[in-house]
Amino acid sequence: MKKTTVFIADDHPVLRSGIKAVFPADEYDVVGEADNGMAALKGIAALRPDIAILDITMPDLDGIAVTRRVADEFPETRVIILSMHADLSRPIEAFRAGALGYVLKDSEPGELLRAAEKVRSGSKYASPAVTEEILNDFVDVIKKEQSHDPFDTLSDREKEVLRHIADGSTSKEIAEKLFISLATVKSHRNNIMKKLKVSDMASLIKIAIKKGMVQTY
């Protein structure tokens, strides 16, 4: 079986040695190393490895910049970014640049091997802590979307007009009850319909009933 070729770029020799030790020699072949971004790019161009493992912070070119170049020029090489940063901005930046994997440096060694197994098949991988951040952010967005109720955008006066509409009062009657002009009532009604995104009186009344503005028997 053909071995998966790996290129490692990190400016710490001890860390590079540790990364090499993760990969079983019967399945993977570490074909090159670099201690800065420019050397990494040259090595990848010459060796065309299946996987490139790049430190996010390197001299000359950082891992994100190298990833962009690799994705554009050598798309057959799948990139895994190594980083200390779990906050969403960095993994998002890495994936946008073209990385398929994002592994935190404080992960246990086996996680890097799992990431390599995922990305060599074309799948994406992120450390569990990063995935949790992504999920939490997604849930927050969903909650905000769900909590946005157009009814809450109505002013107190508009809610008062809606209550009278739902009670069956005509525009003239509402004007008399609220001591405002007929034109003002019509303006409020039009604004209410725009804000609630409805086009007929029946829909307005349904919303008023749902909001408990009207007694139903």
N, C-alpha and C. Protein backbone atom coordinates (compact mmCIF):
# COMPACT_ATOMS: atom_id res chain seq x y z
N MET A 1 0.84 -1.20 0.00
CA MET A 1 0.00 0.00 0.00
C MET A 1 0.87 1.25 0.00
N LYS A 2 0.50 2.22 -0.85
CA LYS A 2 1.28 3.46 -0.93
C LYS A 2 1.16 4.25 0.37
N LYS A 3 2.31 4.69 0.86
CA LYS A 3 2.32 5.46 2.09
C LYS A 3 1.83 6.90 1.84
N THR A 4 1.21 7.47 2.86
CA THR A 4 0.81 8.88 2.81
C THR A 4 2.01 9.73 3.16
N THR A 5 2.36 10.66 2.26
CA THR A 5 3.53 11.51 2.50
C THR A 5 3.14 12.75 3.29
N VAL A 6 4.03 13.14 4.20
CA VAL A 6 3.75 14.24 5.13
C VAL A 6 4.91 15.22 5.14
N PHE A 7 4.58 16.51 5.16
CA PHE A 7 5.58 17.57 5.32
C PHE A 7 5.23 18.32 6.59
N ILE A 8 6.25 18.61 7.41
CA ILE A 8 6.04 19.27 8.70
C ILE A 8 6.76 20.62 8.72
N ALA A 9 6.04 21.67 9.10
CA ALA A 9 6.66 23.00 9.22
C ALA A 9 6.35 23.59 10.58
N ASP A 10 7.40 23.77 11.37
CA ASP A 10 7.29 24.40 12.68
C ASP A 10 8.67 24.92 13.06
N ASP A 11 8.72 26.06 13.71
CA ASP A 11 10.03 26.63 14.00
C ASP A 11 10.67 26.06 15.28
N HIS A 12 10.06 25.04 15.88
CA HIS A 12 10.63 24.40 17.05
C HIS A 12 11.04 22.96 16.70
N PRO A 13 12.34 22.67 16.67
CA PRO A 13 12.80 21.33 16.29
C PRO A 13 12.23 20.22 17.17
N VAL A 14 12.09 20.48 18.47
CA VAL A 14 11.57 19.45 19.38
C VAL A 14 10.13 19.10 19.00
N LEU A 15 9.35 20.12 18.67
CA LEU A 15 7.96 19.87 18.28
C LEU A 15 7.89 19.09 16.97
N ARG A 16 8.77 19.42 16.03
CA ARG A 16 8.79 18.68 14.76
C ARG A 16 9.10 17.21 15.01
N SER A 17 10.04 16.94 15.91
CA SER A 17 10.37 15.55 16.24
C SER A 17 9.19 14.85 16.87
N GLY A 18 8.47 15.55 17.73
CA GLY A 18 7.28 14.96 18.36
C GLY A 18 6.20 14.64 17.35
N ILE A 19 6.03 15.54 16.38
CA ILE A 19 5.00 15.31 15.34
C ILE A 19 5.38 14.09 14.49
N LYS A 20 6.66 13.99 14.13
CA LYS A 20 7.12 12.85 13.32
C LYS A 20 6.84 11.53 14.04
N ALA A 21 7.01 11.54 15.34
CA ALA A 21 6.84 10.30 16.11
C ALA A 21 5.38 9.82 16.16
N VAL A 22 4.46 10.72 15.86
CA VAL A 22 3.03 10.39 15.89
C VAL A 22 2.66 9.44 14.76
N PHE A 23 3.34 9.57 13.63
CA PHE A 23 2.91 8.86 12.42
C PHE A 23 3.57 7.49 12.29
N PRO A 24 2.77 6.42 12.23
CA PRO A 24 3.34 5.08 12.08
C PRO A 24 4.06 4.93 10.73
N ALA A 25 5.27 4.40 10.78
CA ALA A 25 6.13 4.33 9.59
C ALA A 25 5.57 3.41 8.51
N ASP A 26 4.68 2.50 8.88
CA ASP A 26 4.15 1.59 7.86
C ASP A 26 3.05 2.23 7.01
N GLU A 27 2.51 3.37 7.48
CA GLU A 27 1.44 4.05 6.73
C GLU A 27 1.84 5.43 6.23
N TYR A 28 2.77 6.08 6.94
CA TYR A 28 3.12 7.47 6.63
C TYR A 28 4.62 7.60 6.41
N ASP A 29 4.96 8.55 5.55
CA ASP A 29 6.36 8.83 5.27
C ASP A 29 6.57 10.34 5.38
N VAL A 30 7.30 10.78 6.42
CA VAL A 30 7.60 12.20 6.57
C VAL A 30 8.72 12.55 5.62
N VAL A 31 8.38 13.26 4.54
CA VAL A 31 9.32 13.47 3.45
C VAL A 31 10.10 14.78 3.55
N GLY A 32 9.67 15.67 4.45
CA GLY A 32 10.37 16.94 4.55
C GLY A 32 9.95 17.74 5.76
N GLU A 33 10.84 18.69 6.13
CA GLU A 33 10.58 19.57 7.27
C GLU A 33 11.03 20.99 6.93
N ALA A 34 10.46 21.95 7.67
CA ALA A 34 10.89 23.34 7.50
C ALA A 34 10.70 24.07 8.82
N ASP A 35 11.50 25.13 9.02
CA ASP A 35 11.38 25.90 10.26
C ASP A 35 10.86 27.31 10.04
N ASN A 36 10.42 27.60 8.79
CA ASN A 36 9.80 28.90 8.52
C ASN A 36 8.87 28.77 7.32
N GLY A 37 8.04 29.78 7.12
CA GLY A 37 7.01 29.70 6.09
C GLY A 37 7.53 29.62 4.68
N MET A 38 8.57 30.39 4.35
CA MET A 38 9.11 30.37 2.99
C MET A 38 9.73 29.02 2.67
N ALA A 39 10.45 28.47 3.63
CA ALA A 39 11.06 27.14 3.43
C ALA A 39 9.98 26.08 3.29
N ALA A 40 8.90 26.25 4.03
CA ALA A 40 7.78 25.31 3.94
C ALA A 40 7.18 25.33 2.54
N LEU A 41 6.97 26.52 2.03
CA LEU A 41 6.37 26.66 0.70
C LEU A 41 7.27 26.04 -0.37
N LYS A 42 8.57 26.28 -0.26
CA LYS A 42 9.51 25.71 -1.24
C LYS A 42 9.54 24.18 -1.14
N GLY A 43 9.52 23.68 0.10
CA GLY A 43 9.55 22.23 0.30
C GLY A 43 8.30 21.56 -0.24
N ILE A 44 7.17 22.17 -0.01
CA ILE A 44 5.90 21.61 -0.50
C ILE A 44 5.87 21.63 -2.03
N ALA A 45 6.38 22.72 -2.61
CA ALA A 45 6.42 22.83 -4.07
C ALA A 45 7.30 21.75 -4.68
N ALA A 46 8.39 21.43 -4.00
CA ALA A 46 9.33 20.44 -4.55
C ALA A 46 8.86 19.01 -4.30
N LEU A 47 8.25 18.76 -3.14
CA LEU A 47 7.95 17.38 -2.73
C LEU A 47 6.50 16.96 -2.99
N ARG A 48 5.61 17.96 -3.10
CA ARG A 48 4.18 17.70 -3.31
C ARG A 48 3.64 16.61 -2.36
N PRO A 49 3.74 16.82 -1.06
CA PRO A 49 3.28 15.81 -0.11
C PRO A 49 1.75 15.69 -0.12
N ASP A 50 1.25 14.57 0.39
CA ASP A 50 -0.20 14.40 0.51
C ASP A 50 -0.76 15.32 1.60
N ILE A 51 0.01 15.48 2.67
CA ILE A 51 -0.43 16.30 3.81
C ILE A 51 0.70 17.23 4.23
N ALA A 52 0.34 18.49 4.50
CA ALA A 52 1.29 19.44 5.07
C ALA A 52 0.76 19.88 6.43
N ILE A 53 1.60 19.73 7.45
CA ILE A 53 1.24 20.16 8.80
C ILE A 53 2.00 21.44 9.09
N LEU A 54 1.25 22.54 9.26
CA LEU A 54 1.85 23.86 9.37
C LEU A 54 1.53 24.52 10.69
N ASP A 55 2.57 25.00 11.35
CA ASP A 55 2.36 25.83 12.53
C ASP A 55 1.72 27.14 12.09
N ILE A 56 0.75 27.63 12.85
CA ILE A 56 0.07 28.85 12.44
C ILE A 56 0.98 30.07 12.56
N THR A 57 1.98 30.00 13.47
CA THR A 57 2.90 31.13 13.68
C THR A 57 4.31 30.70 13.32
N MET A 58 4.82 31.23 12.20
CA MET A 58 6.17 30.91 11.75
C MET A 58 6.84 32.16 11.22
N PRO A 59 8.18 32.20 11.22
CA PRO A 59 8.88 33.34 10.61
C PRO A 59 8.65 33.39 9.10
N ASP A 60 8.88 34.55 8.52
CA ASP A 60 8.78 34.81 7.08
C ASP A 60 7.33 34.80 6.59
N LEU A 61 6.69 33.64 6.58
CA LEU A 61 5.26 33.53 6.23
C LEU A 61 4.58 32.71 7.32
N ASP A 62 3.45 33.18 7.79
CA ASP A 62 2.75 32.38 8.80
C ASP A 62 1.99 31.23 8.13
N GLY A 63 1.45 30.35 8.95
CA GLY A 63 0.79 29.16 8.42
C GLY A 63 -0.41 29.46 7.55
N ILE A 64 -1.14 30.54 7.87
CA ILE A 64 -2.32 30.92 7.08
C ILE A 64 -1.90 31.35 5.68
N ALA A 65 -0.84 32.17 5.61
CA ALA A 65 -0.35 32.64 4.30
C ALA A 65 0.15 31.48 3.46
N VAL A 66 0.87 30.55 4.09
CA VAL A 66 1.35 29.37 3.36
C VAL A 66 0.18 28.53 2.87
N THR A 67 -0.83 28.38 3.73
CA THR A 67 -2.02 27.60 3.35
C THR A 67 -2.69 28.17 2.11
N ARG A 68 -2.83 29.49 2.05
CA ARG A 68 -3.45 30.12 0.87
C ARG A 68 -2.68 29.78 -0.39
N ARG A 69 -1.36 29.88 -0.31
CA ARG A 69 -0.52 29.60 -1.48
C ARG A 69 -0.64 28.13 -1.88
N VAL A 70 -0.61 27.25 -0.90
CA VAL A 70 -0.70 25.82 -1.18
C VAL A 70 -2.05 25.48 -1.81
N ALA A 71 -3.12 26.04 -1.24
CA ALA A 71 -4.46 25.77 -1.78
C ALA A 71 -4.59 26.23 -3.22
N ASP A 72 -3.94 27.35 -3.56
CA ASP A 72 -4.01 27.89 -4.92
C ASP A 72 -3.09 27.13 -5.88
N GLU A 73 -1.88 26.82 -5.43
CA GLU A 73 -0.86 26.29 -6.33
C GLU A 73 -0.70 24.76 -6.28
N PHE A 74 -0.98 24.18 -5.12
CA PHE A 74 -0.79 22.73 -4.97
C PHE A 74 -2.00 22.12 -4.25
N PRO A 75 -3.16 22.18 -4.85
CA PRO A 75 -4.40 21.76 -4.17
C PRO A 75 -4.43 20.28 -3.80
N GLU A 76 -3.54 19.49 -4.39
CA GLU A 76 -3.51 18.07 -4.04
C GLU A 76 -2.91 17.85 -2.63
N THR A 77 -2.23 18.86 -2.10
CA THR A 77 -1.68 18.79 -0.75
C THR A 77 -2.71 19.30 0.25
N ARG A 78 -3.08 18.45 1.20
CA ARG A 78 -4.08 18.83 2.20
C ARG A 78 -3.38 19.39 3.43
N VAL A 79 -3.86 20.53 3.90
CA VAL A 79 -3.18 21.25 4.98
C VAL A 79 -3.88 21.05 6.32
N ILE A 80 -3.06 20.77 7.33
CA ILE A 80 -3.52 20.79 8.73
C ILE A 80 -2.78 21.90 9.45
N ILE A 81 -3.51 22.79 10.07
CA ILE A 81 -2.91 23.88 10.83
C ILE A 81 -2.77 23.45 12.29
N LEU A 82 -1.58 23.72 12.85
CA LEU A 82 -1.34 23.52 14.28
C LEU A 82 -1.37 24.89 14.96
N SER A 83 -2.10 24.99 16.07
CA SER A 83 -2.25 26.29 16.70
C SER A 83 -2.51 26.16 18.19
N MET A 84 -2.19 27.23 18.92
CA MET A 84 -2.56 27.32 20.34
C MET A 84 -3.91 27.99 20.52
N HIS A 85 -4.48 28.53 19.42
CA HIS A 85 -5.67 29.38 19.52
C HIS A 85 -6.95 28.59 19.23
N ALA A 86 -7.85 28.56 20.23
CA ALA A 86 -9.15 27.89 20.05
C ALA A 86 -10.26 28.87 19.72
N ASP A 87 -9.99 30.19 19.93
CA ASP A 87 -11.04 31.17 19.63
C ASP A 87 -11.38 31.13 18.14
N LEU A 88 -12.64 31.38 17.83
CA LEU A 88 -13.17 31.09 16.49
C LEU A 88 -12.46 31.81 15.35
N SER A 89 -11.93 32.98 15.59
CA SER A 89 -11.38 33.78 14.49
C SER A 89 -10.25 33.05 13.76
N ARG A 90 -9.38 32.35 14.49
CA ARG A 90 -8.24 31.71 13.84
C ARG A 90 -8.63 30.46 13.04
N PRO A 91 -9.40 29.52 13.61
CA PRO A 91 -9.81 28.38 12.77
C PRO A 91 -10.64 28.78 11.57
N ILE A 92 -11.51 29.77 11.74
CA ILE A 92 -12.30 30.24 10.59
C ILE A 92 -11.38 30.78 9.51
N GLU A 93 -10.38 31.55 9.93
CA GLU A 93 -9.40 32.09 8.98
C GLU A 93 -8.65 30.96 8.28
N ALA A 94 -8.29 29.93 9.04
CA ALA A 94 -7.54 28.80 8.48
C ALA A 94 -8.37 28.04 7.45
N PHE A 95 -9.62 27.75 7.80
CA PHE A 95 -10.48 27.00 6.87
C PHE A 95 -10.79 27.83 5.63
N ARG A 96 -10.97 29.12 5.79
CA ARG A 96 -11.20 29.99 4.63
C ARG A 96 -9.99 30.02 3.72
N ALA A 97 -8.81 29.91 4.31
CA ALA A 97 -7.57 29.93 3.51
C ALA A 97 -7.40 28.63 2.71
N GLY A 98 -8.10 27.58 3.14
CA GLY A 98 -8.02 26.32 2.40
C GLY A 98 -7.57 25.12 3.22
N ALA A 99 -7.34 25.32 4.53
CA ALA A 99 -6.96 24.19 5.38
C ALA A 99 -8.12 23.21 5.51
N LEU A 100 -7.80 21.95 5.68
CA LEU A 100 -8.82 20.93 5.94
C LEU A 100 -8.82 20.49 7.40
N GLY A 101 -7.74 20.82 8.12
CA GLY A 101 -7.66 20.43 9.52
C GLY A 101 -7.16 21.56 10.38
N TYR A 102 -7.61 21.56 11.64
CA TYR A 102 -7.15 22.57 12.61
C TYR A 102 -7.02 21.85 13.95
N VAL A 103 -5.77 21.67 14.39
CA VAL A 103 -5.49 20.90 15.60
C VAL A 103 -4.78 21.79 16.61
N LEU A 104 -5.26 21.75 17.85
CA LEU A 104 -4.64 22.53 18.92
C LEU A 104 -3.36 21.85 19.39
N LYS A 105 -2.36 22.65 19.70
CA LYS A 105 -1.07 22.09 20.08
C LYS A 105 -1.10 21.35 21.41
N ASP A 106 -2.06 21.67 22.26
CA ASP A 106 -2.12 20.97 23.54
C ASP A 106 -2.96 19.69 23.47
N SER A 107 -3.33 19.28 22.26
CA SER A 107 -4.08 18.03 22.08
C SER A 107 -3.18 16.83 22.35
N GLU A 108 -3.80 15.71 22.68
CA GLU A 108 -3.00 14.49 22.84
C GLU A 108 -2.53 14.03 21.46
N PRO A 109 -1.36 13.36 21.40
CA PRO A 109 -0.73 13.02 20.10
C PRO A 109 -1.65 12.31 19.11
N GLY A 110 -2.48 11.41 19.61
CA GLY A 110 -3.34 10.65 18.71
C GLY A 110 -4.30 11.51 17.92
N GLU A 111 -4.59 12.71 18.42
CA GLU A 111 -5.54 13.57 17.71
C GLU A 111 -4.98 14.04 16.37
N LEU A 112 -3.70 14.30 16.32
CA LEU A 112 -3.08 14.71 15.05
C LEU A 112 -3.16 13.59 14.04
N LEU A 113 -3.00 12.37 14.49
CA LEU A 113 -3.11 11.22 13.58
C LEU A 113 -4.54 11.07 13.08
N ARG A 114 -5.53 11.28 13.96
CA ARG A 114 -6.93 11.24 13.54
C ARG A 114 -7.22 12.32 12.51
N ALA A 115 -6.64 13.49 12.73
CA ALA A 115 -6.83 14.60 11.78
C ALA A 115 -6.25 14.23 10.42
N ALA A 116 -5.07 13.63 10.42
CA ALA A 116 -4.42 13.23 9.17
C ALA A 116 -5.27 12.20 8.43
N GLU A 117 -5.82 11.24 9.17
CA GLU A 117 -6.66 10.22 8.55
C GLU A 117 -7.91 10.82 7.92
N LYS A 118 -8.44 11.85 8.57
CA LYS A 118 -9.63 12.53 8.03
C LYS A 118 -9.29 13.31 6.76
N VAL A 119 -8.26 14.15 6.84
CA VAL A 119 -7.99 15.06 5.72
C VAL A 119 -7.44 14.33 4.51
N ARG A 120 -6.75 13.20 4.70
CA ARG A 120 -6.22 12.51 3.53
C ARG A 120 -7.35 11.93 2.66
N SER A 121 -8.54 11.79 3.27
CA SER A 121 -9.70 11.32 2.50
C SER A 121 -10.54 12.50 1.99
N GLY A 122 -10.07 13.73 2.26
CA GLY A 122 -10.79 14.91 1.78
C GLY A 122 -11.78 15.49 2.77
N SER A 123 -11.89 14.90 3.96
CA SER A 123 -12.80 15.42 4.99
C SER A 123 -12.11 16.51 5.80
N LYS A 124 -12.90 17.24 6.58
CA LYS A 124 -12.35 18.27 7.45
C LYS A 124 -12.27 17.76 8.89
N TYR A 125 -11.36 18.37 9.65
CA TYR A 125 -11.21 17.98 11.06
C TYR A 125 -10.86 19.21 11.88
N ALA A 126 -11.47 19.30 13.07
CA ALA A 126 -11.11 20.34 14.02
C ALA A 126 -11.06 19.72 15.41
N SER A 127 -10.15 20.19 16.23
CA SER A 127 -10.05 19.70 17.60
C SER A 127 -11.39 19.88 18.31
N PRO A 128 -11.74 18.96 19.22
CA PRO A 128 -13.03 19.05 19.92
C PRO A 128 -13.30 20.41 20.55
N ALA A 129 -12.28 21.05 21.12
CA ALA A 129 -12.48 22.36 21.75
C ALA A 129 -12.91 23.39 20.71
N VAL A 130 -12.34 23.29 19.51
CA VAL A 130 -12.70 24.22 18.43
C VAL A 130 -14.11 23.92 17.94
N THR A 131 -14.41 22.64 17.77
CA THR A 131 -15.76 22.24 17.35
C THR A 131 -16.81 22.74 18.33
N GLU A 132 -16.48 22.65 19.62
CA GLU A 132 -17.42 23.12 20.65
C GLU A 132 -17.66 24.62 20.52
N GLU A 133 -16.58 25.38 20.26
CA GLU A 133 -16.72 26.82 20.06
C GLU A 133 -17.62 27.12 18.87
N ILE A 134 -17.42 26.37 17.78
CA ILE A 134 -18.23 26.57 16.57
C ILE A 134 -19.69 26.27 16.86
N LEU A 135 -19.96 25.17 17.56
CA LEU A 135 -21.33 24.79 17.89
C LEU A 135 -21.98 25.81 18.82
N ASN A 136 -21.23 26.27 19.82
CA ASN A 136 -21.78 27.26 20.74
C ASN A 136 -22.14 28.55 20.01
N ASP A 137 -21.27 28.96 19.08
CA ASP A 137 -21.54 30.16 18.31
C ASP A 137 -22.78 29.97 17.44
N PHE A 138 -22.90 28.79 16.84
CA PHE A 138 -24.05 28.49 15.99
C PHE A 138 -25.35 28.52 16.81
N VAL A 139 -25.30 27.92 18.00
CA VAL A 139 -26.49 27.90 18.86
C VAL A 139 -26.88 29.32 19.28
N ASP A 140 -25.88 30.15 19.57
CA ASP A 140 -26.16 31.54 19.95
C ASP A 140 -26.86 32.28 18.82
N VAL A 141 -26.39 32.03 17.59
CA VAL A 141 -27.01 32.68 16.42
C VAL A 141 -28.46 32.24 16.27
N ILE A 142 -28.70 30.93 16.42
CA ILE A 142 -30.06 30.39 16.31
C ILE A 142 -30.97 30.99 17.37
N LYS A 143 -30.46 31.09 18.60
CA LYS A 143 -31.26 31.65 19.69
C LYS A 143 -31.63 33.10 19.41
N LYS A 144 -30.67 33.85 18.88
CA LYS A 144 -30.95 35.26 18.57
C LYS A 144 -32.00 35.37 17.48
N GLU A 145 -31.89 34.49 16.48
CA GLU A 145 -32.88 34.51 15.39
C GLU A 145 -34.27 34.16 15.90
N GLN A 146 -34.32 33.16 16.79
CA GLN A 146 -35.61 32.73 17.32
C GLN A 146 -36.22 33.76 18.25
N SER A 147 -35.36 34.52 18.94
CA SER A 147 -35.87 35.50 19.90
C SER A 147 -36.33 36.79 19.22
N HIS A 148 -36.04 36.93 17.93
CA HIS A 148 -36.44 38.15 17.24
C HIS A 148 -37.90 38.02 16.82
N ASP A 149 -38.75 38.73 17.52
CA ASP A 149 -40.19 38.71 17.26
C ASP A 149 -40.59 40.06 16.70
N PRO A 150 -41.10 40.11 15.46
CA PRO A 150 -41.50 41.40 14.88
C PRO A 150 -42.50 42.16 15.76
N PHE A 151 -43.28 41.43 16.54
CA PHE A 151 -44.27 42.08 17.42
C PHE A 151 -43.57 43.03 18.41
N ASP A 152 -42.35 42.67 18.81
CA ASP A 152 -41.62 43.49 19.77
C ASP A 152 -41.18 44.83 19.18
N THR A 153 -41.25 44.95 17.85
CA THR A 153 -40.86 46.23 17.23
C THR A 153 -41.99 47.25 17.23
N LEU A 154 -43.20 46.81 17.58
CA LEU A 154 -44.34 47.75 17.62
C LEU A 154 -44.20 48.71 18.80
N SER A 155 -44.55 49.95 18.55
CA SER A 155 -44.57 50.93 19.64
C SER A 155 -45.80 50.69 20.51
N ASP A 156 -45.83 51.31 21.69
CA ASP A 156 -46.98 51.17 22.59
C ASP A 156 -48.26 51.64 21.91
N ARG A 157 -48.16 52.74 21.17
CA ARG A 157 -49.34 53.27 20.48
C ARG A 157 -49.82 52.31 19.40
N GLU A 158 -48.86 51.71 18.65
CA GLU A 158 -49.22 50.75 17.61
C GLU A 158 -49.90 49.51 18.21
N LYS A 159 -49.41 49.06 19.36
CA LYS A 159 -50.05 47.92 20.03
C LYS A 159 -51.47 48.28 20.48
N GLU A 160 -51.65 49.52 20.91
CA GLU A 160 -52.97 49.98 21.33
C GLU A 160 -53.93 50.00 20.15
N VAL A 161 -53.45 50.48 19.01
CA VAL A 161 -54.27 50.51 17.80
C VAL A 161 -54.60 49.08 17.37
N LEU A 162 -53.61 48.19 17.43
CA LEU A 162 -53.84 46.79 17.06
C LEU A 162 -54.90 46.15 17.96
N ARG A 163 -54.84 46.46 19.23
CA ARG A 163 -55.83 45.90 20.16
C ARG A 163 -57.26 46.32 19.77
N HIS A 164 -57.40 47.58 19.40
CA HIS A 164 -58.73 48.07 18.99
C HIS A 164 -59.16 47.46 17.66
N ILE A 165 -58.20 47.29 16.74
CA ILE A 165 -58.52 46.64 15.46
C ILE A 165 -59.04 45.23 15.73
N ALA A 166 -58.34 44.51 16.60
CA ALA A 166 -58.72 43.13 16.91
C ALA A 166 -60.07 43.06 17.62
N ASP A 167 -60.44 44.12 18.34
CA ASP A 167 -61.74 44.17 19.02
C ASP A 167 -62.89 44.45 18.05
N GLY A 168 -62.54 44.76 16.80
CA GLY A 168 -63.55 45.00 15.79
C GLY A 168 -63.88 46.46 15.57
N SER A 169 -63.12 47.37 16.18
CA SER A 169 -63.38 48.80 16.00
C SER A 169 -62.97 49.25 14.61
N THR A 170 -63.74 50.18 14.05
CA THR A 170 -63.37 50.76 12.76
C THR A 170 -62.29 51.81 12.98
N SER A 171 -61.68 52.23 11.90
CA SER A 171 -60.65 53.26 12.00
C SER A 171 -61.21 54.55 12.61
N LYS A 172 -62.43 54.90 12.22
CA LYS A 172 -63.06 56.11 12.76
C LYS A 172 -63.27 55.98 14.26
N GLU A 173 -63.74 54.80 14.70
CA GLU A 173 -63.98 54.56 16.12
C GLU A 173 -62.67 54.59 16.91
N ILE A 174 -61.62 54.03 16.32
CA ILE A 174 -60.32 54.04 17.00
C ILE A 174 -59.82 55.48 17.16
N ALA A 175 -60.00 56.29 16.12
CA ALA A 175 -59.59 57.69 16.18
C ALA A 175 -60.31 58.41 17.31
N GLU A 176 -61.60 58.13 17.45
CA GLU A 176 -62.37 58.79 18.51
C GLU A 176 -61.95 58.32 19.89
N LYS A 177 -61.70 57.02 20.04
CA LYS A 177 -61.31 56.47 21.34
C LYS A 177 -59.94 56.97 21.78
N LEU A 178 -59.04 57.13 20.84
CA LEU A 178 -57.67 57.50 21.18
C LEU A 178 -57.39 59.00 21.01
N PHE A 179 -58.42 59.73 20.57
CA PHE A 179 -58.30 61.18 20.38
C PHE A 179 -57.17 61.53 19.40
N ILE A 180 -57.17 60.80 18.30
CA ILE A 180 -56.21 61.07 17.22
C ILE A 180 -56.98 61.15 15.92
N SER A 181 -56.31 61.65 14.88
CA SER A 181 -57.01 61.82 13.60
C SER A 181 -57.17 60.48 12.89
N LEU A 182 -58.11 60.45 11.96
CA LEU A 182 -58.34 59.26 11.15
C LEU A 182 -57.10 58.92 10.33
N ALA A 183 -56.43 59.95 9.83
CA ALA A 183 -55.21 59.74 9.03
C ALA A 183 -54.12 59.11 9.88
N THR A 184 -54.04 59.50 11.15
CA THR A 184 -53.02 58.93 12.06
C THR A 184 -53.32 57.45 12.31
N VAL A 185 -54.59 57.11 12.48
CA VAL A 185 -54.97 55.71 12.68
C VAL A 185 -54.55 54.89 11.46
N LYS A 186 -54.84 55.39 10.27
CA LYS A 186 -54.48 54.67 9.04
C LYS A 186 -52.97 54.50 8.91
N SER A 187 -52.25 55.56 9.32
CA SER A 187 -50.78 55.49 9.27
C SER A 187 -50.26 54.42 10.22
N HIS A 188 -50.83 54.39 11.45
CA HIS A 188 -50.43 53.36 12.42
C HIS A 188 -50.74 51.96 11.88
N ARG A 189 -51.92 51.81 11.28
CA ARG A 189 -52.32 50.50 10.77
C ARG A 189 -51.36 50.03 9.67
N ASN A 190 -51.00 50.94 8.77
CA ASN A 190 -50.06 50.58 7.70
C ASN A 190 -48.69 50.19 8.26
N ASN A 191 -48.23 50.95 9.27
CA ASN A 191 -46.93 50.64 9.90
C ASN A 191 -46.96 49.28 10.60
N ILE A 192 -48.09 49.00 11.27
CA ILE A 192 -48.23 47.72 11.97
C ILE A 192 -48.16 46.57 10.96
N MET A 193 -48.85 46.71 9.85
CA MET A 193 -48.86 45.65 8.84
C MET A 193 -47.48 45.44 8.23
N LYS A 194 -46.75 46.53 8.03
CA LYS A 194 -45.39 46.42 7.48
C LYS A 194 -44.47 45.71 8.47
N LYS A 195 -44.54 46.13 9.74
CA LYS A 195 -43.66 45.54 10.75
C LYS A 195 -43.95 44.06 10.98
N LEU A 196 -45.23 43.70 10.94
CA LEU A 196 -45.62 42.31 11.18
C LEU A 196 -45.63 41.48 9.91
N LYS A 197 -45.35 42.16 8.78
CA LYS A 197 -45.25 41.47 7.48
C LYS A 197 -46.54 40.73 7.13
N VAL A 198 -47.67 41.42 7.29
CA VAL A 198 -48.96 40.86 6.90
C VAL A 198 -49.64 41.83 5.93
N SER A 199 -50.60 41.30 5.17
CA SER A 199 -51.23 42.14 4.15
C SER A 199 -52.74 42.23 4.28
N ASP A 200 -53.30 41.62 5.33
CA ASP A 200 -54.76 41.67 5.48
C ASP A 200 -55.13 41.74 6.95
N MET A 201 -56.35 42.18 7.21
CA MET A 201 -56.82 42.39 8.58
C MET A 201 -56.95 41.07 9.34
N ALA A 202 -57.34 40.01 8.65
CA ALA A 202 -57.50 38.71 9.32
C ALA A 202 -56.18 38.25 9.95
N SER A 203 -55.09 38.47 9.23
CA SER A 203 -53.78 38.07 9.76
C SER A 203 -53.40 38.92 10.97
N LEU A 204 -53.75 40.21 10.92
CA LEU A 204 -53.49 41.07 12.07
C LEU A 204 -54.24 40.57 13.31
N ILE A 205 -55.49 40.21 13.11
CA ILE A 205 -56.32 39.76 14.24
C ILE A 205 -55.78 38.44 14.81
N LYS A 206 -55.30 37.56 13.93
CA LYS A 206 -54.72 36.29 14.39
C LYS A 206 -53.51 36.55 15.29
N ILE A 207 -52.67 37.50 14.89
CA ILE A 207 -51.49 37.83 15.70
C ILE A 207 -51.92 38.41 17.04
N ALA A 208 -52.92 39.29 17.02
CA ALA A 208 -53.40 39.90 18.26
C ALA A 208 -53.94 38.83 19.22
N ILE A 209 -54.67 37.85 18.67
CA ILE A 209 -55.20 36.75 19.50
C ILE A 209 -54.06 35.92 20.07
N LYS A 210 -53.08 35.64 19.23
CA LYS A 210 -51.93 34.83 19.67
C LYS A 210 -51.18 35.53 20.80
N LYS A 211 -51.13 36.84 20.75
CA LYS A 211 -50.41 37.62 21.75
C LYS A 211 -51.27 37.93 22.98
N GLY A 212 -52.49 37.39 23.00
CA GLY A 212 -53.35 37.60 24.16
C GLY A 212 -53.94 38.98 24.27
N MET A 213 -54.06 39.66 23.13
CA MET A 213 -54.59 41.01 23.15
C MET A 213 -56.12 41.02 23.04
N VAL A 214 -56.67 39.85 22.77
CA VAL A 214 -58.11 39.76 22.55
C VAL A 214 -58.67 38.58 23.33
N GLN A 215 -59.85 38.76 23.87
CA GLN A 215 -60.52 37.66 24.57
C GLN A 215 -61.20 36.76 23.55
N THR A 216 -60.96 35.45 23.67
CA THR A 216 -61.66 34.51 22.78
C THR A 216 -62.58 33.64 23.61
N TYR A 217 -63.72 33.32 23.06
CA TYR A 217 -64.72 32.55 23.81
C TYR A 217 -65.10 31.29 23.03
